[in-house]
PDB file of N, CA and C in Angstrom:
ATOM      1  N   MET A   1      40.219  38.093  18.238  1.00  0.00           N
ATOM      2  CA  MET A   1      39.458  36.898  18.085  1.00  0.00           C
ATOM      3  C   MET A   1      39.515  35.999  19.306  1.00  0.00           C
ATOM      4  N   GLN A   2      40.638  35.985  19.987  1.00  0.00           N
ATOM      5  CA  GLN A   2      40.788  35.175  21.194  1.00  0.00           C
ATOM      6  C   GLN A   2      39.831  35.711  22.294  1.00  0.00           C
ATOM      7  N   LYS A   3      39.690  37.001  22.368  1.00  0.00           N
ATOM      8  CA  LYS A   3      38.758  37.587  23.347  1.00  0.00           C
ATOM      9  C   LYS A   3      37.355  37.040  23.141  1.00  0.00           C
ATOM     10  N   GLU A   4      36.879  37.027  21.875  1.00  0.00           N
ATOM     11  CA  GLU A   4      35.566  36.541  21.585  1.00  0.00           C
ATOM     12  C   GLU A   4      35.386  35.063  21.952  1.00  0.00           C
ATOM     13  N   GLY A   5      36.398  34.295  21.559  1.00  0.00           N
ATOM     14  CA  GLY A   5      36.363  32.849  21.869  1.00  0.00           C
ATOM     15  C   GLY A   5      36.318  32.575  23.362  1.00  0.00           C
ATOM     16  N   ALA A   6      37.172  33.312  24.085  1.00  0.00           N
ATOM     17  CA  ALA A   6      37.176  33.120  25.536  1.00  0.00           C
ATOM     18  C   ALA A   6      35.872  33.474  26.169  1.00  0.00           C
ATOM     19  N   SER A   7      35.228  34.582  25.697  1.00  0.00           N
ATOM     20  CA  SER A   7      33.936  34.948  26.292  1.00  0.00           C
ATOM     21  C   SER A   7      32.848  33.974  25.982  1.00  0.00           C
ATOM     22  N   LEU A   8      32.969  33.204  24.870  1.00  0.00           N
ATOM     23  CA  LEU A   8      31.999  32.206  24.571  1.00  0.00           C
ATOM     24  C   LEU A   8      32.039  31.038  25.563  1.00  0.00           C
ATOM     25  N   LEU A   9      33.215  30.842  26.135  1.00  0.00           N
ATOM     26  CA  LEU A   9      33.399  29.722  27.099  1.00  0.00           C
ATOM     27  C   LEU A   9      32.817  30.080  28.454  1.00  0.00           C
ATOM     28  N   VAL A  10      32.641  31.353  28.756  1.00  0.00           N
ATOM     29  CA  VAL A  10      32.142  31.794  30.025  1.00  0.00           C
ATOM     30  C   VAL A  10      30.699  32.360  29.831  1.00  0.00           C
ATOM     31  N   SER A  11      29.783  31.865  30.565  1.00  0.00           N
ATOM     32  CA  SER A  11      28.385  32.367  30.437  1.00  0.00           C
ATOM     33  C   SER A  11      27.915  32.769  31.825  1.00  0.00           C
ATOM     34  N   LEU A  12      27.691  34.091  31.958  1.00  0.00           N
ATOM     35  CA  LEU A  12      27.158  34.568  33.212  1.00  0.00           C
ATOM     36  C   LEU A  12      25.645  34.851  33.038  1.00  0.00           C
ATOM     37  N   THR A  13      24.864  34.628  34.109  1.00  0.00           N
ATOM     38  CA  THR A  13      23.460  34.947  34.043  1.00  0.00           C
ATOM     39  C   THR A  13      23.253  36.456  34.005  1.00  0.00           C
ATOM     40  N   ASP A  14      22.088  36.916  33.665  1.00  0.00           N
ATOM     41  CA  ASP A  14      21.817  38.357  33.677  1.00  0.00           C
ATOM     42  C   ASP A  14      22.031  38.941  35.023  1.00  0.00           C
ATOM     43  N   ARG A  15      21.605  38.220  36.086  1.00  0.00           N
ATOM     44  CA  ARG A  15      21.768  38.739  37.448  1.00  0.00           C
ATOM     45  C   ARG A  15      23.256  38.794  37.835  1.00  0.00           C
ATOM     46  N   GLU A  16      24.012  37.777  37.479  1.00  0.00           N
ATOM     47  CA  GLU A  16      25.434  37.828  37.745  1.00  0.00           C
ATOM     48  C   GLU A  16      26.139  39.030  37.095  1.00  0.00           C
ATOM     49  N   GLN A  17      25.758  39.271  35.816  1.00  0.00           N
ATOM     50  CA  GLN A  17      26.324  40.413  35.120  1.00  0.00           C
ATOM     51  C   GLN A  17      25.909  41.689  35.792  1.00  0.00           C
ATOM     52  N   GLU A  18      24.621  41.822  36.203  1.00  0.00           N
ATOM     53  CA  GLU A  18      24.141  43.048  36.858  1.00  0.00           C
ATOM     54  C   GLU A  18      24.935  43.297  38.169  1.00  0.00           C
ATOM     55  N   ILE A  19      25.133  42.265  38.939  1.00  0.00           N
ATOM     56  CA  ILE A  19      25.811  42.399  40.199  1.00  0.00           C
ATOM     57  C   ILE A  19      27.299  42.790  39.979  1.00  0.00           C
ATOM     58  N   LEU A  20      27.907  42.184  38.982  1.00  0.00           N
ATOM     59  CA  LEU A  20      29.264  42.550  38.707  1.00  0.00           C
ATOM     60  C   LEU A  20      29.387  43.986  38.186  1.00  0.00           C
ATOM     61  N   LYS A  21      28.427  44.471  37.484  1.00  0.00           N
ATOM     62  CA  LYS A  21      28.413  45.894  37.049  1.00  0.00           C
ATOM     63  C   LYS A  21      28.314  46.779  38.237  1.00  0.00           C
ATOM     64  N   TRP A  22      27.431  46.533  39.175  1.00  0.00           N
ATOM     65  CA  TRP A  22      27.339  47.347  40.390  1.00  0.00           C
ATOM     66  C   TRP A  22      28.600  47.302  41.193  1.00  0.00           C
ATOM     67  N   SER A  23      29.217  46.120  41.221  1.00  0.00           N
ATOM     68  CA  SER A  23      30.539  45.989  41.937  1.00  0.00           C
ATOM     69  C   SER A  23      31.612  46.814  41.273  1.00  0.00           C
ATOM     70  N   ALA A  24      31.601  46.813  39.955  1.00  0.00           N
ATOM     71  CA  ALA A  24      32.573  47.579  39.160  1.00  0.00           C
ATOM     72  C   ALA A  24      32.424  49.081  39.432  1.00  0.00           C
ATOM     73  N   ARG A  25      31.218  49.508  39.808  1.00  0.00           N
ATOM     74  CA  ARG A  25      30.978  50.910  40.079  1.00  0.00           C
ATOM     75  C   ARG A  25      31.283  51.275  41.513  1.00  0.00           C
ATOM     76  N   GLY A  26      31.770  50.298  42.292  1.00  0.00           N
ATOM     77  CA  GLY A  26      32.181  50.519  43.678  1.00  0.00           C
ATOM     78  C   GLY A  26      31.185  50.265  44.753  1.00  0.00           C
ATOM     79  N   TYR A  27      30.083  49.656  44.365  1.00  0.00           N
ATOM     80  CA  TYR A  27      29.092  49.365  45.374  1.00  0.00           C
ATOM     81  C   TYR A  27      29.383  48.147  46.204  1.00  0.00           C
ATOM     82  N   THR A  28      29.092  48.086  47.447  1.00  0.00           N
ATOM     83  CA  THR A  28      29.343  46.967  48.352  1.00  0.00           C
ATOM     84  C   THR A  28      28.168  45.963  48.187  1.00  0.00           C
ATOM     85  N   LYS A  29      28.410  44.746  48.721  1.00  0.00           N
ATOM     86  CA  LYS A  29      27.342  43.755  48.701  1.00  0.00           C
ATOM     87  C   LYS A  29      26.038  44.272  49.343  1.00  0.00           C
ATOM     88  N   ALA A  30      26.194  45.039  50.480  1.00  0.00           N
ATOM     89  CA  ALA A  30      24.998  45.556  51.142  1.00  0.00           C
ATOM     90  C   ALA A  30      24.342  46.604  50.298  1.00  0.00           C
ATOM     91  N   ASP A  31      25.131  47.466  49.609  1.00  0.00           N
ATOM     92  CA  ASP A  31      24.543  48.458  48.673  1.00  0.00           C
ATOM     93  C   ASP A  31      23.769  47.762  47.585  1.00  0.00           C
ATOM     94  N   ILE A  32      24.360  46.778  46.953  1.00  0.00           N
ATOM     95  CA  ILE A  32      23.736  46.045  45.848  1.00  0.00           C
ATOM     96  C   ILE A  32      22.472  45.370  46.339  1.00  0.00           C
ATOM     97  N   SER A  33      22.574  44.725  47.524  1.00  0.00           N
ATOM     98  CA  SER A  33      21.393  44.053  48.124  1.00  0.00           C
ATOM     99  C   SER A  33      20.236  45.017  48.223  1.00  0.00           C
ATOM    100  N   GLY A  34      20.463  46.224  48.739  1.00  0.00           N
ATOM    101  CA  GLY A  34      19.455  47.193  48.908  1.00  0.00           C
ATOM    102  C   GLY A  34      18.866  47.695  47.613  1.00  0.00           C
ATOM    103  N   ARG A  35      19.740  47.950  46.649  1.00  0.00           N
ATOM    104  CA  ARG A  35      19.320  48.483  45.311  1.00  0.00           C
ATOM    105  C   ARG A  35      18.436  47.450  44.579  1.00  0.00           C
ATOM    106  N   LEU A  36      18.861  46.159  44.646  1.00  0.00           N
ATOM    107  CA  LEU A  36      18.175  45.135  43.872  1.00  0.00           C
ATOM    108  C   LEU A  36      17.105  44.402  44.694  1.00  0.00           C
ATOM    109  N   ASN A  37      16.899  44.800  45.956  1.00  0.00           N
ATOM    110  CA  ASN A  37      15.969  44.163  46.831  1.00  0.00           C
ATOM    111  C   ASN A  37      16.214  42.660  46.939  1.00  0.00           C
ATOM    112  N   LEU A  38      17.488  42.284  47.194  1.00  0.00           N
ATOM    113  CA  LEU A  38      17.856  40.926  47.382  1.00  0.00           C
ATOM    114  C   LEU A  38      18.578  40.831  48.772  1.00  0.00           C
ATOM    115  N   SER A  39      18.662  39.604  49.285  1.00  0.00           N
ATOM    116  CA  SER A  39      19.373  39.446  50.520  1.00  0.00           C
ATOM    117  C   SER A  39      20.867  39.544  50.225  1.00  0.00           C
ATOM    118  N   ILE A  40      21.637  39.814  51.244  1.00  0.00           N
ATOM    119  CA  ILE A  40      23.135  39.854  51.078  1.00  0.00           C
ATOM    120  C   ILE A  40      23.597  38.460  50.705  1.00  0.00           C
ATOM    121  N   HIS A  41      22.976  37.453  51.243  1.00  0.00           N
ATOM    122  CA  HIS A  41      23.312  36.069  50.942  1.00  0.00           C
ATOM    123  C   HIS A  41      23.152  35.780  49.452  1.00  0.00           C
ATOM    124  N   THR A  42      22.077  36.248  48.883  1.00  0.00           N
ATOM    125  CA  THR A  42      21.803  36.074  47.468  1.00  0.00           C
ATOM    126  C   THR A  42      22.851  36.811  46.580  1.00  0.00           C
ATOM    127  N   VAL A  43      23.177  38.019  46.911  1.00  0.00           N
ATOM    128  CA  VAL A  43      24.179  38.774  46.252  1.00  0.00           C
ATOM    129  C   VAL A  43      25.518  38.052  46.341  1.00  0.00           C
ATOM    130  N   ASP A  44      25.882  37.578  47.553  1.00  0.00           N
ATOM    131  CA  ASP A  44      27.113  36.853  47.763  1.00  0.00           C
ATOM    132  C   ASP A  44      27.146  35.587  46.881  1.00  0.00           C
ATOM    133  N   SER A  45      26.033  34.895  46.809  1.00  0.00           N
ATOM    134  CA  SER A  45      25.966  33.658  45.987  1.00  0.00           C
ATOM    135  C   SER A  45      26.253  33.964  44.512  1.00  0.00           C
ATOM    136  N   HIS A  46      25.639  35.005  44.006  1.00  0.00           N
ATOM    137  CA  HIS A  46      25.842  35.426  42.607  1.00  0.00           C
ATOM    138  C   HIS A  46      27.338  35.808  42.377  1.00  0.00           C
ATOM    139  N   ILE A  47      27.932  36.468  43.349  1.00  0.00           N
ATOM    140  CA  ILE A  47      29.322  36.894  43.210  1.00  0.00           C
ATOM    141  C   ILE A  47      30.188  35.642  43.226  1.00  0.00           C
ATOM    142  N   ARG A  48      29.945  34.699  44.177  1.00  0.00           N
ATOM    143  CA  ARG A  48      30.753  33.493  44.223  1.00  0.00           C
ATOM    144  C   ARG A  48      30.601  32.675  42.935  1.00  0.00           C
ATOM    145  N   ASN A  49      29.377  32.557  42.385  1.00  0.00           N
ATOM    146  CA  ASN A  49      29.147  31.836  41.159  1.00  0.00           C
ATOM    147  C   ASN A  49      29.939  32.476  39.983  1.00  0.00           C
ATOM    148  N   SER A  50      29.889  33.851  39.953  1.00  0.00           N
ATOM    149  CA  SER A  50      30.641  34.565  38.932  1.00  0.00           C
ATOM    150  C   SER A  50      32.135  34.307  39.045  1.00  0.00           C
ATOM    151  N   MET A  51      32.627  34.320  40.256  1.00  0.00           N
ATOM    152  CA  MET A  51      34.061  34.101  40.474  1.00  0.00           C
ATOM    153  C   MET A  51      34.455  32.645  40.037  1.00  0.00           C
ATOM    154  N   ARG A  52      33.628  31.702  40.296  1.00  0.00           N
ATOM    155  CA  ARG A  52      33.879  30.300  39.964  1.00  0.00           C
ATOM    156  C   ARG A  52      33.858  30.169  38.419  1.00  0.00           C
ATOM    157  N   LYS A  53      32.850  30.725  37.749  1.00  0.00           N
ATOM    158  CA  LYS A  53      32.790  30.687  36.320  1.00  0.00           C
ATOM    159  C   LYS A  53      33.943  31.392  35.651  1.00  0.00           C
ATOM    160  N   LEU A  54      34.418  32.506  36.232  1.00  0.00           N
ATOM    161  CA  LEU A  54      35.521  33.275  35.653  1.00  0.00           C
ATOM    162  C   LEU A  54      36.836  32.784  36.114  1.00  0.00           C
ATOM    163  N   ASP A  55      36.875  31.784  37.006  1.00  0.00           N
ATOM    164  CA  ASP A  55      38.106  31.233  37.551  1.00  0.00           C
ATOM    165  C   ASP A  55      38.951  32.297  38.213  1.00  0.00           C
ATOM    166  N   THR A  56      38.343  33.076  39.097  1.00  0.00           N
ATOM    167  CA  THR A  56      39.058  34.099  39.836  1.00  0.00           C
ATOM    168  C   THR A  56      38.900  33.859  41.333  1.00  0.00           C
ATOM    169  N   LYS A  57      39.771  34.538  42.090  1.00  0.00           N
ATOM    170  CA  LYS A  57      39.819  34.326  43.537  1.00  0.00           C
ATOM    171  C   LYS A  57      39.127  35.456  44.349  1.00  0.00           C
ATOM    172  N   ASN A  58      38.826  36.554  43.679  1.00  0.00           N
ATOM    173  CA  ASN A  58      38.165  37.678  44.387  1.00  0.00           C
ATOM    174  C   ASN A  58      37.336  38.443  43.447  1.00  0.00           C
ATOM    175  N   ILE A  59      36.462  39.324  44.003  1.00  0.00           N
ATOM    176  CA  ILE A  59      35.493  40.050  43.203  1.00  0.00           C
ATOM    177  C   ILE A  59      36.220  41.043  42.222  1.00  0.00           C
ATOM    178  N   THR A  60      37.268  41.640  42.708  1.00  0.00           N
ATOM    179  CA  THR A  60      37.973  42.577  41.840  1.00  0.00           C
ATOM    180  C   THR A  60      38.473  41.895  40.564  1.00  0.00           C
ATOM    181  N   SER A  61      39.072  40.743  40.755  1.00  0.00           N
ATOM    182  CA  SER A  61      39.597  39.947  39.578  1.00  0.00           C
ATOM    183  C   SER A  61      38.429  39.534  38.693  1.00  0.00           C
ATOM    184  N   ALA A  62      37.321  39.218  39.294  1.00  0.00           N
ATOM    185  CA  ALA A  62      36.130  38.787  38.498  1.00  0.00           C
ATOM    186  C   ALA A  62      35.608  39.932  37.653  1.00  0.00           C
ATOM    187  N   VAL A  63      35.561  41.123  38.243  1.00  0.00           N
ATOM    188  CA  VAL A  63      35.126  42.300  37.515  1.00  0.00           C
ATOM    189  C   VAL A  63      36.047  42.627  36.386  1.00  0.00           C
ATOM    190  N   VAL A  64      37.355  42.613  36.656  1.00  0.00           N
ATOM    191  CA  VAL A  64      38.359  42.900  35.579  1.00  0.00           C
ATOM    192  C   VAL A  64      38.280  41.909  34.458  1.00  0.00           C
ATOM    193  N   LYS A  65      38.187  40.631  34.813  1.00  0.00           N
ATOM    194  CA  LYS A  65      38.127  39.587  33.740  1.00  0.00           C
ATOM    195  C   LYS A  65      36.831  39.717  32.940  1.00  0.00           C
ATOM    196  N   ALA A  66      35.704  39.950  33.634  1.00  0.00           N
ATOM    197  CA  ALA A  66      34.445  40.120  32.909  1.00  0.00           C
ATOM    198  C   ALA A  66      34.499  41.328  31.968  1.00  0.00           C
ATOM    199  N   LEU A  67      35.123  42.405  32.411  1.00  0.00           N
ATOM    200  CA  LEU A  67      35.287  43.597  31.546  1.00  0.00           C
ATOM    201  C   LEU A  67      36.189  43.248  30.358  1.00  0.00           C
ATOM    202  N   ASN A  68      37.272  42.584  30.578  1.00  0.00           N
ATOM    203  CA  ASN A  68      38.217  42.231  29.545  1.00  0.00           C
ATOM    204  C   ASN A  68      37.616  41.291  28.519  1.00  0.00           C
ATOM    205  N   LEU A  69      36.729  40.387  28.993  1.00  0.00           N
ATOM    206  CA  LEU A  69      36.053  39.460  28.056  1.00  0.00           C
ATOM    207  C   LEU A  69      34.882  40.024  27.381  1.00  0.00           C
ATOM    208  N   GLY A  70      34.509  41.238  27.774  1.00  0.00           N
ATOM    209  CA  GLY A  70      33.328  41.915  27.168  1.00  0.00           C
ATOM    210  C   GLY A  70      32.000  41.360  27.733  1.00  0.00           C
ATOM    211  N   LEU A  71      32.039  40.725  28.886  1.00  0.00           N
ATOM    212  CA  LEU A  71      30.797  40.153  29.479  1.00  0.00           C
ATOM    213  C   LEU A  71      29.994  41.230  30.156  1.00  0.00           C
ATOM    214  N   ILE A  72      30.688  42.323  30.609  1.00  0.00           N
ATOM    215  CA  ILE A  72      29.974  43.454  31.225  1.00  0.00           C
ATOM    216  C   ILE A  72      30.626  44.714  30.675  1.00  0.00           C
ATOM    217  N   GLN A  73      29.851  45.774  30.743  1.00  0.00           N
ATOM    218  CA  GLN A  73      30.355  47.105  30.373  1.00  0.00           C
ATOM    219  C   GLN A  73      29.898  48.071  31.415  1.00  0.00           C
ATOM    220  N   ILE A  74      30.766  49.074  31.722  1.00  0.00           N
ATOM    221  CA  ILE A  74      30.348  50.075  32.716  1.00  0.00           C
ATOM    222  C   ILE A  74      30.379  51.423  32.058  1.00  0.00           C
TER     223      ILE A  74
END
């Protein structure tokens, strides 16, 4: 139940979730940028927003926390 409650406190946009999923699969910012036809700056902004919302210091921690909270699935 705590997992569900915690995930309700964090809300990621669809694009933030999508970028975290690609990151979880091992893709770099440049790879994600090319796949989604976005600039690297835009990808980086989504990653930074995700990290802020998840209260993490790096992308790896953000991916792990999003997975643990059930916000993304791979």
